[in-house]
């Protein structure tokens, strides 16, 4: 395989070259799971940044016992795009629909879809987490990190209705580029997002967490308090299919990856 020439190619290369028994592969497996990542973060002293969990279901019987009467977020630990939000009381028929969806999650091997094999090596489970309320929805801050350095921040706004996106530098100056999968279906550029009150703390957290990884995307939320919540650690952002509308940004991210991983292709 030739040397990857774009961020997407680097992510794809990593999916092929990483192995589960290597030191980096083991860290990826542990932190990709939303369940075992909690233990990882707690060991490092970041337990205060974890979302409150009401219940964890490992089996179909445990899924059917989850209390769906209170506002919460239901998430599959072993993959992406498997989330359900309960914002208000739901009917018996809706409860049954939610239960069937969660049972489907337990049968899903997410890693087989795009080669993100680490998801299939972690426990299959459903987490029921606290739902943080916000009139406009919480911005999702995605920090693209390379070896302890934050390269850029992706903000996603009102994800579940009119999804819009903006990219920022670590100093919160906007980046003149869009990013999406695929490029021809680029999301509309959102309005300027107010700089998070805890941005400096977010940057420090991401710099510390990302040091053992050649690349990782760390998803954070800022909730009332204010308080930082870690959503997840993603090791193949958009599975390598994301594209940048600005080639200069794509080139810079590629160069930055190699600069900060000078021993490439040895990335352990």
Protein backbone atom coordinates (compact mmCIF):
# COMPACT_ATOMS: atom_id res chain seq x y z
CA UNK A 1 0.00 0.00 0.00
CA UNK A 2 1.39 3.41 -1.00
CA UNK A 3 1.84 6.13 1.58
CA UNK A 4 -1.57 7.67 2.39
CA UNK A 5 -1.96 11.13 0.89
CA UNK A 6 -5.14 12.41 2.60
CA UNK A 7 -6.64 12.21 6.10
CA UNK A 8 -9.20 9.71 4.80
CA UNK A 9 -6.49 7.50 3.35
CA UNK A 10 -4.59 7.64 6.64
CA UNK A 11 -7.68 6.48 8.54
CA UNK A 12 -8.24 3.67 6.04
CA UNK A 13 -4.57 2.64 6.27
CA UNK A 14 -4.89 2.47 10.07
CA UNK A 15 -7.90 0.16 9.85
CA UNK A 16 -5.84 -2.27 7.79
CA UNK A 17 -2.51 -1.99 9.58
CA UNK A 18 -3.53 -1.80 13.23
CA UNK A 19 -3.73 -5.16 15.04
CA UNK A 20 -5.70 -5.95 18.20
CA UNK A 21 -2.70 -7.44 20.02
CA UNK A 22 -0.45 -4.37 19.55
CA UNK A 23 -0.20 -1.78 22.35
CA UNK A 24 -2.01 0.84 20.26
CA UNK A 25 -4.58 -1.68 19.08
CA UNK A 26 -5.39 -2.64 22.67
CA UNK A 27 -5.89 1.02 23.60
CA UNK A 28 -8.13 1.52 20.58
CA UNK A 29 -10.29 -1.50 21.48
CA UNK A 30 -10.71 -0.36 25.09
CA UNK A 31 -11.50 3.28 24.31
CA UNK A 32 -13.75 2.69 21.29
CA UNK A 33 -16.36 1.01 23.48
CA UNK A 34 -18.48 3.54 25.33
CA UNK A 35 -18.59 1.06 28.21
CA UNK A 36 -14.94 0.11 28.68
CA UNK A 37 -13.86 3.68 27.85
CA UNK A 38 -15.47 4.65 31.16
CA UNK A 39 -12.98 2.44 33.02
CA UNK A 40 -10.11 3.83 30.93
CA UNK A 41 -11.05 7.46 31.66
CA UNK A 42 -11.63 6.74 35.34
CA UNK A 43 -8.18 5.18 35.69
CA UNK A 44 -6.67 8.35 34.26
CA UNK A 45 -8.57 10.50 36.74
CA UNK A 46 -11.23 11.80 34.35
CA UNK A 47 -14.25 10.15 35.95
CA UNK A 48 -15.81 13.57 36.62
CA UNK A 49 -16.16 14.04 32.84
CA UNK A 50 -18.23 10.89 32.32
CA UNK A 51 -21.99 11.09 31.72
CA UNK A 52 -24.22 9.71 34.45
CA UNK A 53 -25.38 6.19 33.57
CA UNK A 54 -28.71 4.92 34.90
CA UNK A 55 -28.39 1.36 33.63
CA UNK A 56 -26.38 -0.97 31.39
CA UNK A 57 -28.04 -3.82 29.49
CA UNK A 58 -25.93 -6.70 28.17
CA UNK A 59 -28.68 -9.17 27.30
CA UNK A 60 -32.12 -9.05 25.66
CA UNK A 61 -33.72 -9.68 29.05
CA UNK A 62 -31.89 -6.70 30.54
CA UNK A 63 -32.92 -4.51 27.60
CA UNK A 64 -36.57 -5.31 28.24
CA UNK A 65 -36.13 -4.34 31.90
CA UNK A 66 -34.84 -0.82 31.17
CA UNK A 67 -37.04 1.93 32.61
CA UNK A 68 -38.03 4.05 29.61
CA UNK A 69 -40.36 6.32 31.56
CA UNK A 70 -37.76 9.02 32.29
CA UNK A 71 -35.82 11.35 29.98
CA UNK A 72 -32.60 9.66 28.93
CA UNK A 73 -30.28 8.77 26.06
CA UNK A 74 -29.98 5.15 24.95
CA UNK A 75 -26.66 4.29 23.29
CA UNK A 76 -25.08 1.14 21.94
CA UNK A 77 -21.60 0.80 23.43
CA UNK A 78 -20.21 -1.06 20.42
CA UNK A 79 -20.69 1.27 17.46
CA UNK A 80 -21.85 4.59 16.07
CA UNK A 81 -25.21 6.00 14.99
CA UNK A 82 -27.07 3.73 17.42
CA UNK A 83 -28.76 6.25 19.72
CA UNK A 84 -32.30 6.91 20.90
CA UNK A 85 -33.47 9.98 22.81
CA UNK A 86 -36.35 9.99 25.29
CA UNK A 87 -37.23 13.64 25.90
CA UNK A 88 -40.78 13.16 27.19
CA UNK A 89 -43.11 10.34 28.27
CA UNK A 90 -43.61 7.85 25.45
CA UNK A 91 -46.49 5.49 24.69
CA UNK A 92 -46.50 1.72 25.12
CA UNK A 93 -46.18 1.27 21.36
CA UNK A 94 -43.16 3.61 21.30
CA UNK A 95 -41.59 1.69 24.17
CA UNK A 96 -41.97 -1.53 22.18
CA UNK A 97 -40.42 0.13 19.13
CA UNK A 98 -37.47 1.34 21.20
CA UNK A 99 -37.01 -2.10 22.74
CA UNK A 100 -36.97 -3.77 19.33
CA UNK A 101 -34.37 -1.27 18.11
CA UNK A 102 -32.12 -1.91 21.11
CA UNK A 103 -32.46 -5.68 20.64
CA UNK A 104 -31.32 -5.17 17.05
CA UNK A 105 -28.28 -3.29 18.36
CA UNK A 106 -27.26 -6.26 20.48
CA UNK A 107 -27.27 -8.42 17.35
CA UNK A 108 -25.28 -5.91 15.31
CA UNK A 109 -21.58 -6.36 14.63
CA UNK A 110 -20.88 -2.74 13.76
CA UNK A 111 -17.26 -3.35 12.88
CA UNK A 112 -18.15 -5.37 9.80
CA UNK A 113 -19.73 -2.41 8.00
CA UNK A 114 -16.65 -0.25 7.37
CA UNK A 115 -13.77 -2.30 8.73
CA UNK A 116 -13.71 -0.74 12.21
CA UNK A 117 -12.95 -4.14 13.72
CA UNK A 118 -12.27 -2.78 17.23
CA UNK A 119 -16.01 -2.31 17.85
CA UNK A 120 -16.58 -6.06 17.54
CA UNK A 121 -13.90 -6.87 20.13
CA UNK A 122 -15.56 -4.88 22.92
CA UNK A 123 -18.68 -5.83 24.89
CA UNK A 124 -22.07 -5.54 23.24
CA UNK A 125 -24.20 -3.45 25.56
CA UNK A 126 -26.77 -0.66 25.73
CA UNK A 127 -26.15 2.29 28.06
CA UNK A 128 -28.97 4.42 29.41
CA UNK A 129 -27.46 7.84 30.15
CA UNK A 130 -28.70 11.07 31.64
CA UNK A 131 -30.26 13.45 29.10
CA UNK A 132 -28.98 17.02 29.38
CA UNK A 133 -31.68 19.50 28.45
CA UNK A 134 -31.13 22.54 26.25
CA UNK A 135 -33.67 24.61 24.36
CA UNK A 136 -31.57 24.65 21.19
CA UNK A 137 -29.76 21.35 21.63
CA UNK A 138 -26.22 20.94 22.90
CA UNK A 139 -23.46 21.68 20.36
CA UNK A 140 -21.32 18.62 19.74
CA UNK A 141 -17.63 19.52 19.85
CA UNK A 142 -15.41 17.03 18.01
CA UNK A 143 -11.69 17.52 18.61
CA UNK A 144 -9.43 16.04 15.92
CA UNK A 145 -6.22 15.14 17.76
CA UNK A 146 -2.80 13.89 16.71
CA UNK A 147 -0.35 12.72 19.39
CA UNK A 148 -1.44 15.18 22.05
CA UNK A 149 -2.05 18.08 19.67
CA UNK A 150 -5.52 19.38 18.75
CA UNK A 151 -5.55 19.99 14.99
CA UNK A 152 -9.12 21.27 14.55
CA UNK A 153 -12.56 21.30 16.13
CA UNK A 154 -15.75 20.29 14.34
CA UNK A 155 -19.01 21.66 15.75
CA UNK A 156 -22.33 20.03 14.95
CA UNK A 157 -25.44 22.02 15.79
CA UNK A 158 -29.03 20.79 16.22
CA UNK A 159 -28.03 17.32 15.04
CA UNK A 160 -31.51 15.81 15.15
CA UNK A 161 -33.42 18.47 13.19
CA UNK A 162 -31.60 20.98 10.94
CA UNK A 163 -28.06 19.64 11.13
CA UNK A 164 -25.39 22.25 10.43
CA UNK A 165 -21.63 22.21 10.89
CA UNK A 166 -18.70 24.59 11.38
CA UNK A 167 -14.96 23.96 11.68
CA UNK A 168 -12.66 25.89 14.00
CA UNK A 169 -8.99 26.17 14.89
CA UNK A 170 -8.01 25.55 18.52
CA UNK A 171 -8.03 29.33 19.12
CA UNK A 172 -11.66 29.32 17.93
CA UNK A 173 -11.03 31.18 14.70
CA UNK A 174 -13.19 29.70 11.92
CA UNK A 175 -11.72 27.45 9.24
CA UNK A 176 -12.66 28.14 5.63
CA UNK A 177 -13.71 24.61 4.75
CA UNK A 178 -16.57 22.19 4.96
CA UNK A 179 -16.31 18.51 5.85
CA UNK A 180 -18.81 15.79 5.16
CA UNK A 181 -19.56 12.35 3.68
CA UNK A 182 -19.84 12.48 0.72
CA UNK A 183 -18.64 15.92 -0.36
CA UNK A 184 -21.48 16.49 -2.84
CA UNK A 185 -23.95 16.23 0.05
CA UNK A 186 -22.07 18.78 2.12
CA UNK A 187 -23.96 19.98 5.16
CA UNK A 188 -24.92 23.67 5.17
CA UNK A 189 -22.48 25.84 7.06
CA UNK A 190 -23.95 26.71 10.41
CA UNK A 191 -23.89 30.07 12.17
CA UNK A 192 -20.93 31.08 14.27
CA UNK A 193 -20.88 29.00 17.42
CA UNK A 194 -20.17 30.80 20.67
CA UNK A 195 -16.77 29.86 22.05
CA UNK A 196 -17.32 27.30 24.83
CA UNK A 197 -16.81 28.72 28.30
CA UNK A 198 -14.52 25.78 29.10
CA UNK A 199 -12.63 25.69 25.80
CA UNK A 200 -9.22 25.94 27.45
CA UNK A 201 -10.11 23.03 29.75
CA UNK A 202 -11.45 21.07 26.78
CA UNK A 203 -8.20 21.58 24.89
CA UNK A 204 -6.12 20.49 27.88
CA UNK A 205 -8.29 17.40 28.34
CA UNK A 206 -8.00 16.42 24.67
CA UNK A 207 -4.25 17.06 24.60
CA UNK A 208 -3.77 14.73 27.57
CA UNK A 209 -6.14 12.02 26.36
CA UNK A 210 -4.78 11.94 22.82
CA UNK A 211 -1.08 11.59 23.67
CA UNK A 212 -1.02 7.76 23.38
CA UNK A 213 -2.80 7.81 20.00
CA UNK A 214 -1.43 8.61 16.56
CA UNK A 215 -4.91 9.95 15.76
CA UNK A 216 -8.17 10.13 17.69
CA UNK A 217 -11.32 12.25 17.58
CA UNK A 218 -12.60 13.14 21.04
CA UNK A 219 -16.25 14.22 21.24
CA UNK A 220 -17.14 16.59 24.08
CA UNK A 221 -20.20 18.44 25.37
CA UNK A 222 -20.41 21.46 27.63
CA UNK A 223 -23.40 21.10 29.97
CA UNK A 224 -24.79 23.29 32.72
CA UNK A 225 -22.44 24.04 35.55
CA UNK A 226 -20.57 24.46 33.28
CA UNK A 227 -19.16 20.95 33.05
CA UNK A 228 -17.34 18.99 30.34
CA UNK A 229 -18.78 15.62 29.33
CA UNK A 230 -16.87 13.11 27.20
CA UNK A 231 -19.20 11.60 24.62
CA UNK A 232 -16.84 9.13 22.98
CA UNK A 233 -13.40 8.51 21.52
CA UNK A 234 -13.55 7.77 17.80
CA UNK A 235 -10.57 6.18 16.04
CA UNK A 236 -11.83 6.33 12.45
CA UNK A 237 -13.73 9.58 12.02
CA UNK A 238 -16.47 8.98 9.44
CA UNK A 239 -14.62 5.71 8.76
CA UNK A 240 -12.21 7.61 6.53
CA UNK A 241 -14.93 8.63 4.07
CA UNK A 242 -15.06 12.29 5.10
CA UNK A 243 -13.86 14.88 2.61
CA UNK A 244 -12.80 18.50 2.97
CA UNK A 245 -13.98 21.15 0.53
CA UNK A 246 -10.69 23.03 1.02
CA UNK A 247 -7.74 20.96 -0.32
CA UNK A 248 -5.29 23.12 1.62
CA UNK A 249 -6.82 21.98 4.92
CA UNK A 250 -6.70 18.34 3.84
CA UNK A 251 -3.04 18.72 2.86
CA UNK A 252 -2.16 20.47 6.12
CA UNK A 253 -3.82 17.79 8.26
CA UNK A 254 -1.95 15.10 6.33
CA UNK A 255 1.38 16.86 6.80
CA UNK A 256 0.63 17.43 10.48
CA UNK A 257 -0.08 13.73 10.97
CA UNK A 258 3.31 12.75 9.57
CA UNK A 259 5.09 15.55 11.45
CA UNK A 260 3.70 14.37 14.77
CA UNK A 261 4.22 10.68 13.91
CA UNK A 262 7.84 10.85 12.69
CA UNK A 263 8.32 7.07 13.04
CA UNK A 264 5.49 6.30 10.59
CA UNK A 265 4.59 3.58 9.60
CA UNK A 266 5.52 2.51 13.12
CA UNK A 267 2.77 4.21 15.12
CA UNK A 268 2.62 2.11 18.28
